[in-house]
Amino acid sequence: MQNTPLVTVVCLCYNHGQFVVETLNSVINQTYPNIELIIVDDCSTDNSVNIIREWLKEHPSIPFIANEKNLGNTTAFNKAFKICNGDYIIDLAADDILMEYCVAMQINQFQNSAYENVGIVYGGLELIDENNHLIGNFFEIYNTNTSGKDNRSGDIYKGLLNMQNNVCSVSSMVKREVYDRFSGYDESLAYEDYDLWIKTARYYNFDFIDTTLVRKRELKTSMTSYRSRRWNKKTWKLGFSTYKILLKALHLNRTKEENRAMLKRIRLETKIAIRTGNVLLALRFVWLEMRIRILLLR
């Protein structure tokens, strides 16, 4: 393996004009020397495109895709993926910030991991608000106390099903062959990360870096803010995507233990569907739970 394989950073922008320059600068200021940056704007309604074009005057060789209509994260990313050349890929939102050592540490972890067949390397991240004020950490940083850390690396498939494990796409570097295997993101989904993690964990190991790699911005318009809104079409769309992801995971499961692991997540999603007013989706999750329980009796 090359010491400095090419890393592609796909920066997805949608109404991130206030933050996009800081994000782009965090990519080009990495200590790692071999990075390809591709910028995609998904038909922003603010001044993002003008700000990006102004920034590109000093970086004219960087490709920029400006969508004429809003395609959503999954399709917008796939457009960039088709033209990227990297052996490793980072999917970066245009309001988040890479620490200057982020890419170098992730490549080093891929090359020196204690695990074979690693598909994703991810790490710690700070949560910040729109004014760059620290909110907290997404993961507990263990430092000297490493109890409980081991379940973040290796085979985390079952842990992703029963919510004992979590990954954050913002701090993830993905081996290109993973995206090649699955032909990029599933464009029928409203969000991409949970689907990618489950499919990847079925066939690859994960490795976690116990260091803050990224500063992730939490805004009122962030996707996570729509998780539990009542009578909201976007919330319902996210919930239905989760249902589709879990249904696909059921076909990936190999053991009764893995089927049983899904029940905790299904019960949570059923409660969220009821709380957000989506009775039809709640019934779908109930049906999925019944299907699993029948499989467990066999």
C-alpha atoms as a PDB file:
ATOM      1  CA  MET A   1       0.000   0.000   0.000  1.00  0.00           C
ATOM      2  CA  GLN A   2       1.192   3.476  -0.795  1.00  0.00           C
ATOM      3  CA  ASN A   3       2.272   5.588   2.157  1.00  0.00           C
ATOM      4  CA  THR A   4       0.075   8.446   0.941  1.00  0.00           C
ATOM      5  CA  PRO A   5      -2.856   7.025  -1.066  1.00  0.00           C
ATOM      6  CA  LEU A   6      -5.262   9.517  -2.573  1.00  0.00           C
ATOM      7  CA  VAL A   7      -8.120  10.586  -0.300  1.00  0.00           C
ATOM      8  CA  THR A   8     -11.229  12.161  -1.829  1.00  0.00           C
ATOM      9  CA  VAL A   9     -13.259  14.565   0.300  1.00  0.00           C
ATOM     10  CA  VAL A  10     -16.750  15.115  -1.087  1.00  0.00           C
ATOM     11  CA  CYS A  11     -18.085  18.343   0.416  1.00  0.00           C
ATOM     12  CA  LEU A  12     -21.890  18.554   0.195  1.00  0.00           C
ATOM     13  CA  CYS A  13     -23.417  22.002   0.566  1.00  0.00           C
ATOM     14  CA  TYR A  14     -27.050  22.967   1.044  1.00  0.00           C
ATOM     15  CA  ASN A  15     -27.682  26.466   2.403  1.00  0.00           C
ATOM     16  CA  HIS A  16     -24.347  26.461   4.241  1.00  0.00           C
ATOM     17  CA  GLY A  17     -23.149  29.810   2.927  1.00  0.00           C
ATOM     18  CA  GLN A  18     -22.347  31.016   6.430  1.00  0.00           C
ATOM     19  CA  PHE A  19     -19.970  28.107   7.067  1.00  0.00           C
ATOM     20  CA  VAL A  20     -18.761  26.678   3.761  1.00  0.00           C
ATOM     21  CA  VAL A  21     -15.495  28.642   3.481  1.00  0.00           C
ATOM     22  CA  GLU A  22     -14.346  27.491   6.913  1.00  0.00           C
ATOM     23  CA  THR A  23     -15.184  23.913   5.932  1.00  0.00           C
ATOM     24  CA  LEU A  24     -13.342  24.085   2.608  1.00  0.00           C
ATOM     25  CA  ASN A  25     -10.299  25.658   4.241  1.00  0.00           C
ATOM     26  CA  SER A  26     -10.229  22.839   6.784  1.00  0.00           C
ATOM     27  CA  VAL A  27      -9.843  20.393   3.883  1.00  0.00           C
ATOM     28  CA  ILE A  28      -7.089  22.177   1.970  1.00  0.00           C
ATOM     29  CA  ASN A  29      -5.180  22.885   5.210  1.00  0.00           C
ATOM     30  CA  GLN A  30      -4.817  19.221   6.154  1.00  0.00           C
ATOM     31  CA  THR A  31      -1.347  18.004   7.107  1.00  0.00           C
ATOM     32  CA  TYR A  32      -1.921  15.032   4.776  1.00  0.00           C
ATOM     33  CA  PRO A  33      -0.497  15.833   1.329  1.00  0.00           C
ATOM     34  CA  ASN A  34      -2.595  13.813  -1.129  1.00  0.00           C
ATOM     35  CA  ILE A  35      -6.228  14.989  -1.098  1.00  0.00           C
ATOM     36  CA  GLU A  36      -8.777  15.419  -3.868  1.00  0.00           C
ATOM     37  CA  LEU A  37     -11.606  17.808  -2.986  1.00  0.00           C
ATOM     38  CA  ILE A  38     -14.923  17.727  -4.864  1.00  0.00           C
ATOM     39  CA  ILE A  39     -17.603  20.297  -3.984  1.00  0.00           C
ATOM     40  CA  VAL A  40     -21.308  19.743  -4.597  1.00  0.00           C
ATOM     41  CA  ASP A  41     -24.010  22.331  -4.007  1.00  0.00           C
ATOM     42  CA  ASP A  42     -27.474  20.775  -3.926  1.00  0.00           C
ATOM     43  CA  CYS A  43     -29.403  23.778  -5.282  1.00  0.00           C
ATOM     44  CA  SER A  44     -28.993  26.032  -2.251  1.00  0.00           C
ATOM     45  CA  THR A  45     -31.465  28.866  -1.840  1.00  0.00           C
ATOM     46  CA  ASP A  46     -29.030  31.097   0.035  1.00  0.00           C
ATOM     47  CA  ASN A  47     -25.785  32.608  -1.317  1.00  0.00           C
ATOM     48  CA  SER A  48     -23.769  29.385  -1.041  1.00  0.00           C
ATOM     49  CA  VAL A  49     -23.034  29.056  -4.764  1.00  0.00           C
ATOM     50  CA  ASN A  50     -21.687  32.597  -5.062  1.00  0.00           C
ATOM     51  CA  ILE A  51     -19.518  32.143  -1.982  1.00  0.00           C
ATOM     52  CA  ILE A  52     -18.125  28.859  -3.305  1.00  0.00           C
ATOM     53  CA  ARG A  53     -17.403  30.335  -6.738  1.00  0.00           C
ATOM     54  CA  GLU A  54     -15.599  33.262  -5.115  1.00  0.00           C
ATOM     55  CA  TRP A  55     -13.499  30.830  -3.028  1.00  0.00           C
ATOM     56  CA  LEU A  56     -12.733  28.779  -6.147  1.00  0.00           C
ATOM     57  CA  LYS A  57     -11.082  31.766  -7.807  1.00  0.00           C
ATOM     58  CA  GLU A  58      -8.047  30.958  -5.654  1.00  0.00           C
ATOM     59  CA  HIS A  59      -8.480  27.201  -6.197  1.00  0.00           C
ATOM     60  CA  PRO A  60      -9.553  26.888  -9.849  1.00  0.00           C
ATOM     61  CA  SER A  61      -8.536  23.227 -10.250  1.00  0.00           C
ATOM     62  CA  ILE A  62     -11.080  21.969  -7.700  1.00  0.00           C
ATOM     63  CA  PRO A  63     -14.195  20.509  -9.364  1.00  0.00           C
ATOM     64  CA  PHE A  64     -17.543  22.048  -8.440  1.00  0.00           C
ATOM     65  CA  ILE A  65     -20.948  20.507  -9.175  1.00  0.00           C
ATOM     66  CA  ALA A  66     -23.844  22.956  -8.820  1.00  0.00           C
ATOM     67  CA  ASN A  67     -27.125  21.040  -9.011  1.00  0.00           C
ATOM     68  CA  GLU A  68     -29.937  22.857 -10.820  1.00  0.00           C
ATOM     69  CA  LYS A  69     -32.518  21.170  -8.580  1.00  0.00           C
ATOM     70  CA  ASN A  70     -32.347  19.724  -5.097  1.00  0.00           C
ATOM     71  CA  LEU A  71     -31.522  16.010  -5.321  1.00  0.00           C
ATOM     72  CA  GLY A  72     -30.983  15.137  -1.662  1.00  0.00           C
ATOM     73  CA  ASN A  73     -27.817  13.955   0.050  1.00  0.00           C
ATOM     74  CA  THR A  74     -27.710  10.438  -1.349  1.00  0.00           C
ATOM     75  CA  THR A  75     -28.063  11.366  -5.022  1.00  0.00           C
ATOM     76  CA  ALA A  76     -25.869  14.463  -4.717  1.00  0.00           C
ATOM     77  CA  PHE A  77     -23.069  12.407  -3.159  1.00  0.00           C
ATOM     78  CA  ASN A  78     -23.354   9.727  -5.833  1.00  0.00           C
ATOM     79  CA  LYS A  79     -22.827  12.342  -8.560  1.00  0.00           C
ATOM     80  CA  ALA A  80     -19.502  13.241  -6.968  1.00  0.00           C
ATOM     81  CA  PHE A  81     -18.592   9.622  -6.303  1.00  0.00           C
ATOM     82  CA  LYS A  82     -18.812   8.850 -10.021  1.00  0.00           C
ATOM     83  CA  ILE A  83     -15.966  11.275 -10.771  1.00  0.00           C
ATOM     84  CA  CYS A  84     -13.792  10.805  -7.679  1.00  0.00           C
ATOM     85  CA  ASN A  85     -10.430   9.042  -7.853  1.00  0.00           C
ATOM     86  CA  GLY A  86      -9.566   8.454  -4.203  1.00  0.00           C
ATOM     87  CA  ASP A  87      -8.716   5.110  -2.599  1.00  0.00           C
ATOM     88  CA  TYR A  88     -10.466   6.436   0.520  1.00  0.00           C
ATOM     89  CA  ILE A  89     -13.434   8.782   0.742  1.00  0.00           C
ATOM     90  CA  ILE A  90     -14.800  11.267   3.291  1.00  0.00           C
ATOM     91  CA  ASP A  91     -18.382  12.514   3.024  1.00  0.00           C
ATOM     92  CA  LEU A  92     -18.228  15.998   4.552  1.00  0.00           C
ATOM     93  CA  ALA A  93     -21.122  18.389   5.168  1.00  0.00           C
ATOM     94  CA  ALA A  94     -20.287  21.996   4.312  1.00  0.00           C
ATOM     95  CA  ASP A  95     -20.911  23.208   7.855  1.00  0.00           C
ATOM     96  CA  ASP A  96     -18.494  20.811   9.610  1.00  0.00           C
ATOM     97  CA  ILE A  97     -14.770  21.235  10.192  1.00  0.00           C
ATOM     98  CA  LEU A  98     -11.946  18.716   9.853  1.00  0.00           C
ATOM     99  CA  MET A  99      -9.149  18.964  12.392  1.00  0.00           C
ATOM    100  CA  GLU A 100      -5.911  19.561  10.480  1.00  0.00           C
ATOM    101  CA  TYR A 101      -4.581  16.105  11.405  1.00  0.00           C
ATOM    102  CA  CYS A 102      -7.829  14.232  10.651  1.00  0.00           C
ATOM    103  CA  VAL A 103      -6.974  12.674   7.288  1.00  0.00           C
ATOM    104  CA  ALA A 104      -3.404  11.796   8.291  1.00  0.00           C
ATOM    105  CA  MET A 105      -4.576   9.973  11.419  1.00  0.00           C
ATOM    106  CA  GLN A 106      -7.260   8.043   9.559  1.00  0.00           C
ATOM    107  CA  ILE A 107      -4.883   6.870   6.829  1.00  0.00           C
ATOM    108  CA  ASN A 108      -2.357   5.862   9.479  1.00  0.00           C
ATOM    109  CA  GLN A 109      -5.076   3.853  11.246  1.00  0.00           C
ATOM    110  CA  PHE A 110      -6.036   2.083   8.031  1.00  0.00           C
ATOM    111  CA  GLN A 111      -2.412   1.193   7.372  1.00  0.00           C
ATOM    112  CA  ASN A 112      -1.585   0.105  10.917  1.00  0.00           C
ATOM    113  CA  SER A 113      -4.867  -1.266  12.241  1.00  0.00           C
ATOM    114  CA  ALA A 114      -4.854  -4.295  14.536  1.00  0.00           C
ATOM    115  CA  TYR A 115      -7.855  -5.539  12.533  1.00  0.00           C
ATOM    116  CA  GLU A 116      -7.889  -7.114   9.110  1.00  0.00           C
ATOM    117  CA  ASN A 117     -10.299  -6.085   6.353  1.00  0.00           C
ATOM    118  CA  VAL A 118     -11.123  -2.639   7.757  1.00  0.00           C
ATOM    119  CA  GLY A 119     -13.781  -0.807   5.742  1.00  0.00           C
ATOM    120  CA  ILE A 120     -14.348   2.305   7.879  1.00  0.00           C
ATOM    121  CA  VAL A 121     -12.113   4.263  10.250  1.00  0.00           C
ATOM    122  CA  TYR A 122     -13.937   6.789  12.412  1.00  0.00           C
ATOM    123  CA  GLY A 123     -13.134   8.853  15.479  1.00  0.00           C
ATOM    124  CA  GLY A 124     -14.241  11.359  18.066  1.00  0.00           C
ATOM    125  CA  LEU A 125     -15.884  14.659  17.302  1.00  0.00           C
ATOM    126  CA  GLU A 126     -16.892  17.823  19.053  1.00  0.00           C
ATOM    127  CA  LEU A 127     -20.384  19.214  18.685  1.00  0.00           C
ATOM    128  CA  ILE A 128     -20.468  22.981  18.096  1.00  0.00           C
ATOM    129  CA  ASP A 129     -23.196  25.565  17.495  1.00  0.00           C
ATOM    130  CA  GLU A 130     -23.465  28.127  14.711  1.00  0.00           C
ATOM    131  CA  ASN A 131     -21.050  30.417  16.564  1.00  0.00           C
ATOM    132  CA  ASN A 132     -18.390  27.694  17.013  1.00  0.00           C
ATOM    133  CA  HIS A 133     -19.191  27.341  20.712  1.00  0.00           C
ATOM    134  CA  LEU A 134     -18.604  23.874  22.120  1.00  0.00           C
ATOM    135  CA  ILE A 135     -21.781  21.943  22.978  1.00  0.00           C
ATOM    136  CA  GLY A 136     -20.186  18.640  23.938  1.00  0.00           C
ATOM    137  CA  ASN A 137     -18.674  15.460  22.497  1.00  0.00           C
ATOM    138  CA  PHE A 138     -20.460  12.938  20.293  1.00  0.00           C
ATOM    139  CA  PHE A 139     -18.388  10.115  21.783  1.00  0.00           C
ATOM    140  CA  GLU A 140     -16.896   9.929  25.240  1.00  0.00           C
ATOM    141  CA  ILE A 141     -13.159  10.412  24.890  1.00  0.00           C
ATOM    142  CA  TYR A 142     -11.631   7.775  27.127  1.00  0.00           C
ATOM    143  CA  ASN A 143      -8.004   8.989  27.282  1.00  0.00           C
ATOM    144  CA  THR A 144      -6.557   6.846  30.108  1.00  0.00           C
ATOM    145  CA  ASN A 145      -9.823   5.103  31.050  1.00  0.00           C
ATOM    146  CA  THR A 146     -10.421   2.712  28.157  1.00  0.00           C
ATOM    147  CA  SER A 147     -13.095   0.476  29.663  1.00  0.00           C
ATOM    148  CA  GLY A 148     -15.874   0.007  27.122  1.00  0.00           C
ATOM    149  CA  LYS A 149     -13.818   1.344  24.247  1.00  0.00           C
ATOM    150  CA  ASP A 150     -13.213  -2.005  22.551  1.00  0.00           C
ATOM    151  CA  ASN A 151     -16.776  -2.382  21.284  1.00  0.00           C
ATOM    152  CA  ARG A 152     -16.209   0.561  18.932  1.00  0.00           C
ATOM    153  CA  SER A 153     -13.792  -1.428  16.750  1.00  0.00           C
ATOM    154  CA  GLY A 154     -13.779  -4.772  14.994  1.00  0.00           C
ATOM    155  CA  ASP A 155     -17.049  -6.526  14.153  1.00  0.00           C
ATOM    156  CA  ILE A 156     -19.763  -4.085  15.272  1.00  0.00           C
ATOM    157  CA  TYR A 157     -22.621  -5.460  13.169  1.00  0.00           C
ATOM    158  CA  LYS A 158     -24.804  -6.664  16.034  1.00  0.00           C
ATOM    159  CA  GLY A 159     -24.058  -3.541  18.053  1.00  0.00           C
ATOM    160  CA  LEU A 160     -25.380  -1.368  15.235  1.00  0.00           C
ATOM    161  CA  LEU A 161     -28.614  -3.345  15.222  1.00  0.00           C
ATOM    162  CA  ASN A 162     -29.269  -3.111  18.981  1.00  0.00           C
ATOM    163  CA  MET A 163     -27.882   0.451  19.391  1.00  0.00           C
ATOM    164  CA  GLN A 164     -24.947  -0.575  21.583  1.00  0.00           C
ATOM    165  CA  ASN A 165     -22.730   0.901  18.875  1.00  0.00           C
ATOM    166  CA  ASN A 166     -22.962   4.187  17.054  1.00  0.00           C
ATOM    167  CA  VAL A 167     -20.896   5.692  14.282  1.00  0.00           C
ATOM    168  CA  CYS A 168     -20.876   9.249  12.991  1.00  0.00           C
ATOM    169  CA  SER A 169     -20.498   9.696   9.248  1.00  0.00           C
ATOM    170  CA  VAL A 170     -18.888  13.093   9.778  1.00  0.00           C
ATOM    171  CA  SER A 171     -15.813  11.527  11.386  1.00  0.00           C
ATOM    172  CA  SER A 172     -15.686   8.508   9.057  1.00  0.00           C
ATOM    173  CA  MET A 173     -13.251   7.667   6.299  1.00  0.00           C
ATOM    174  CA  VAL A 174     -14.510   4.869   4.045  1.00  0.00           C
ATOM    175  CA  LYS A 175     -12.417   2.590   1.870  1.00  0.00           C
ATOM    176  CA  ARG A 176     -13.399   3.104  -1.750  1.00  0.00           C
ATOM    177  CA  GLU A 177     -14.086  -0.581  -2.320  1.00  0.00           C
ATOM    178  CA  VAL A 178     -16.968  -0.295   0.170  1.00  0.00           C
ATOM    179  CA  TYR A 179     -18.738   2.300  -1.966  1.00  0.00           C
ATOM    180  CA  ASP A 180     -17.883   0.314  -5.109  1.00  0.00           C
ATOM    181  CA  ARG A 181     -19.412  -2.801  -3.571  1.00  0.00           C
ATOM    182  CA  PHE A 182     -22.705  -1.063  -2.815  1.00  0.00           C
ATOM    183  CA  SER A 183     -22.695   1.298  -5.836  1.00  0.00           C
ATOM    184  CA  GLY A 184     -22.586   4.373  -3.617  1.00  0.00           C
ATOM    185  CA  TYR A 185     -25.560   5.321  -1.458  1.00  0.00           C
ATOM    186  CA  ASP A 186     -29.082   3.931  -1.802  1.00  0.00           C
ATOM    187  CA  GLU A 187     -30.828   6.863  -3.497  1.00  0.00           C
ATOM    188  CA  SER A 188     -34.275   5.692  -2.377  1.00  0.00           C
ATOM    189  CA  LEU A 189     -33.402   6.643   1.220  1.00  0.00           C
ATOM    190  CA  ALA A 190     -33.813  10.056   2.841  1.00  0.00           C
ATOM    191  CA  TYR A 191     -30.530   9.587   4.705  1.00  0.00           C
ATOM    192  CA  GLU A 192     -27.564   7.376   4.028  1.00  0.00           C
ATOM    193  CA  ASP A 193     -25.341   6.688   7.011  1.00  0.00           C
ATOM    194  CA  TYR A 194     -27.147   3.983   9.029  1.00  0.00           C
ATOM    195  CA  ASP A 195     -27.701   1.927   5.879  1.00  0.00           C
ATOM    196  CA  LEU A 196     -24.025   2.225   4.934  1.00  0.00           C
ATOM    197  CA  TRP A 197     -22.819   1.260   8.417  1.00  0.00           C
ATOM    198  CA  ILE A 198     -24.956  -1.869   8.630  1.00  0.00           C
ATOM    199  CA  LYS A 199     -24.046  -3.092   5.145  1.00  0.00           C
ATOM    200  CA  THR A 200     -20.366  -2.339   5.698  1.00  0.00           C
ATOM    201  CA  ALA A 201     -20.281  -3.971   9.143  1.00  0.00           C
ATOM    202  CA  ARG A 202     -21.694  -7.166   7.641  1.00  0.00           C
ATOM    203  CA  TYR A 203     -18.584  -7.590   5.485  1.00  0.00           C
ATOM    204  CA  TYR A 204     -15.861  -5.403   7.042  1.00  0.00           C
ATOM    205  CA  ASN A 205     -14.330  -4.463  10.376  1.00  0.00           C
ATOM    206  CA  PHE A 206     -14.464  -0.910  11.759  1.00  0.00           C
ATOM    207  CA  ASP A 207     -11.678   0.865  13.635  1.00  0.00           C
ATOM    208  CA  PHE A 208     -12.115   3.761  16.064  1.00  0.00           C
ATOM    209  CA  ILE A 209      -9.608   6.536  16.820  1.00  0.00           C
ATOM    210  CA  ASP A 210      -9.955   7.824  20.368  1.00  0.00           C
ATOM    211  CA  THR A 211      -9.211  11.426  19.396  1.00  0.00           C
ATOM    212  CA  THR A 212     -11.343  14.349  18.214  1.00  0.00           C
ATOM    213  CA  LEU A 213     -11.093  14.369  14.414  1.00  0.00           C
ATOM    214  CA  VAL A 214     -13.943  16.688  13.451  1.00  0.00           C
ATOM    215  CA  ARG A 215     -16.036  19.556  14.754  1.00  0.00           C
ATOM    216  CA  LYS A 216     -19.671  18.825  13.860  1.00  0.00           C
ATOM    217  CA  ARG A 217     -22.133  21.676  13.727  1.00  0.00           C
ATOM    218  CA  GLU A 218     -25.542  21.235  15.336  1.00  0.00           C
ATOM    219  CA  LEU A 219     -28.125  23.606  13.849  1.00  0.00           C
ATOM    220  CA  LYS A 220     -31.899  23.953  14.088  1.00  0.00           C
ATOM    221  CA  THR A 221     -32.040  22.848  10.453  1.00  0.00           C
ATOM    222  CA  SER A 222     -29.800  19.778  10.938  1.00  0.00           C
ATOM    223  CA  MET A 223     -31.319  16.442   9.956  1.00  0.00           C
ATOM    224  CA  THR A 224     -31.193  15.188  13.540  1.00  0.00           C
ATOM    225  CA  SER A 225     -33.526  18.020  14.548  1.00  0.00           C
ATOM    226  CA  TYR A 226     -36.288  16.378  12.491  1.00  0.00           C
ATOM    227  CA  ARG A 227     -36.027  13.060  14.304  1.00  0.00           C
ATOM    228  CA  SER A 228     -39.083  13.514  16.535  1.00  0.00           C
ATOM    229  CA  ARG A 229     -41.161  16.349  15.069  1.00  0.00           C
ATOM    230  CA  ARG A 230     -44.908  15.721  15.075  1.00  0.00           C
ATOM    231  CA  TRP A 231     -46.886  15.740  11.836  1.00  0.00           C
ATOM    232  CA  ASN A 232     -43.805  16.609   9.787  1.00  0.00           C
ATOM    233  CA  LYS A 233     -43.360  15.129   6.311  1.00  0.00           C
ATOM    234  CA  LYS A 234     -39.563  15.177   6.538  1.00  0.00           C
ATOM    235  CA  THR A 235     -39.698  13.386   9.895  1.00  0.00           C
ATOM    236  CA  TRP A 236     -41.979  10.742   8.413  1.00  0.00           C
ATOM    237  CA  LYS A 237     -39.698  10.335   5.414  1.00  0.00           C
ATOM    238  CA  LEU A 238     -36.716   9.768   7.711  1.00  0.00           C
ATOM    239  CA  GLY A 239     -38.698   7.217   9.705  1.00  0.00           C
ATOM    240  CA  PHE A 240     -39.756   5.325   6.609  1.00  0.00           C
ATOM    241  CA  SER A 241     -36.119   5.206   5.461  1.00  0.00           C
ATOM    242  CA  THR A 242     -35.172   3.668   8.807  1.00  0.00           C
ATOM    243  CA  TYR A 243     -37.862   1.036   8.271  1.00  0.00           C
ATOM    244  CA  LYS A 244     -36.419   0.200   4.836  1.00  0.00           C
ATOM    245  CA  ILE A 245     -32.901  -0.006   6.287  1.00  0.00           C
ATOM    246  CA  LEU A 246     -33.979  -2.431   9.026  1.00  0.00           C
ATOM    247  CA  LEU A 247     -35.935  -4.509   6.525  1.00  0.00           C
ATOM    248  CA  LYS A 248     -32.799  -4.806   4.393  1.00  0.00           C
ATOM    249  CA  ALA A 249     -30.748  -5.658   7.495  1.00  0.00           C
ATOM    250  CA  LEU A 250     -33.100  -8.530   8.274  1.00  0.00           C
ATOM    251  CA  HIS A 251     -32.010 -10.140   5.004  1.00  0.00           C
ATOM    252  CA  LEU A 252     -28.353  -9.640   5.983  1.00  0.00           C
ATOM    253  CA  ASN A 253     -28.764 -11.311   9.386  1.00  0.00           C
ATOM    254  CA  ARG A 254     -27.262 -14.766   9.745  1.00  0.00           C
ATOM    255  CA  THR A 255     -28.246 -15.813  13.259  1.00  0.00           C
ATOM    256  CA  LYS A 256     -31.150 -15.682  15.678  1.00  0.00           C
ATOM    257  CA  GLU A 257     -28.969 -13.568  17.948  1.00  0.00           C
ATOM    258  CA  GLU A 258     -28.714 -10.926  15.233  1.00  0.00           C
ATOM    259  CA  ASN A 259     -32.459 -11.063  14.616  1.00  0.00           C
ATOM    260  CA  ARG A 260     -33.048 -10.638  18.340  1.00  0.00           C
ATOM    261  CA  ALA A 261     -30.671  -7.657  18.398  1.00  0.00           C
ATOM    262  CA  MET A 262     -32.936  -5.768  15.983  1.00  0.00           C
ATOM    263  CA  LEU A 263     -35.938  -5.846  18.312  1.00  0.00           C
ATOM    264  CA  LYS A 264     -34.651  -3.063  20.562  1.00  0.00           C
ATOM    265  CA  ARG A 265     -34.255  -0.666  17.624  1.00  0.00           C
ATOM    266  CA  ILE A 266     -37.633  -1.662  16.179  1.00  0.00           C
ATOM    267  CA  ARG A 267     -39.423  -0.970  19.463  1.00  0.00           C
ATOM    268  CA  LEU A 268     -37.760   2.457  19.656  1.00  0.00           C
ATOM    269  CA  GLU A 269     -38.764   3.302  16.096  1.00  0.00           C
ATOM    270  CA  THR A 270     -42.334   2.167  16.765  1.00  0.00           C
ATOM    271  CA  LYS A 271     -42.557   4.584  19.716  1.00  0.00           C
ATOM    272  CA  ILE A 272     -41.123   7.433  17.628  1.00  0.00           C
ATOM    273  CA  ALA A 273     -43.590   6.740  14.806  1.00  0.00           C
ATOM    274  CA  ILE A 274     -46.518   6.875  17.239  1.00  0.00           C
ATOM    275  CA  ARG A 275     -45.190   9.995  18.954  1.00  0.00           C
ATOM    276  CA  THR A 276     -44.777  11.793  15.615  1.00  0.00           C
ATOM    277  CA  GLY A 277     -48.266  10.858  14.453  1.00  0.00           C
ATOM    278  CA  ASN A 278     -47.286   8.299  11.810  1.00  0.00           C
ATOM    279  CA  VAL A 279     -49.623   5.405  12.635  1.00  0.00           C
ATOM    280  CA  LEU A 280     -49.052   3.642   9.311  1.00  0.00           C
ATOM    281  CA  LEU A 281     -45.296   3.557   9.895  1.00  0.00           C
ATOM    282  CA  ALA A 282     -45.821   2.317  13.456  1.00  0.00           C
ATOM    283  CA  LEU A 283     -47.878  -0.569  12.062  1.00  0.00           C
ATOM    284  CA  ARG A 284     -45.088  -1.402   9.637  1.00  0.00           C
ATOM    285  CA  PHE A 285     -42.618  -1.641  12.518  1.00  0.00           C
ATOM    286  CA  VAL A 286     -45.064  -3.815  14.493  1.00  0.00           C
ATOM    287  CA  TRP A 287     -45.339  -6.101  11.467  1.00  0.00           C
ATOM    288  CA  LEU A 288     -41.533  -6.252  11.217  1.00  0.00           C
ATOM    289  CA  GLU A 289     -41.256  -7.181  14.893  1.00  0.00           C
ATOM    290  CA  MET A 290     -43.855  -9.939  14.476  1.00  0.00           C
ATOM    291  CA  ARG A 291     -41.949 -11.263  11.470  1.00  0.00           C
ATOM    292  CA  ILE A 292     -38.752 -11.472  13.504  1.00  0.00           C
ATOM    293  CA  ARG A 293     -40.455 -13.143  16.430  1.00  0.00           C
ATOM    294  CA  ILE A 294     -41.817 -15.811  14.098  1.00  0.00           C
ATOM    295  CA  LEU A 295     -38.285 -16.409  12.786  1.00  0.00           C
ATOM    296  CA  LEU A 296     -37.030 -16.749  16.363  1.00  0.00           C
ATOM    297  CA  LEU A 297     -39.543 -19.530  17.034  1.00  0.00           C
ATOM    298  CA  ARG A 298     -38.265 -21.677  14.190  1.00  0.00           C
END
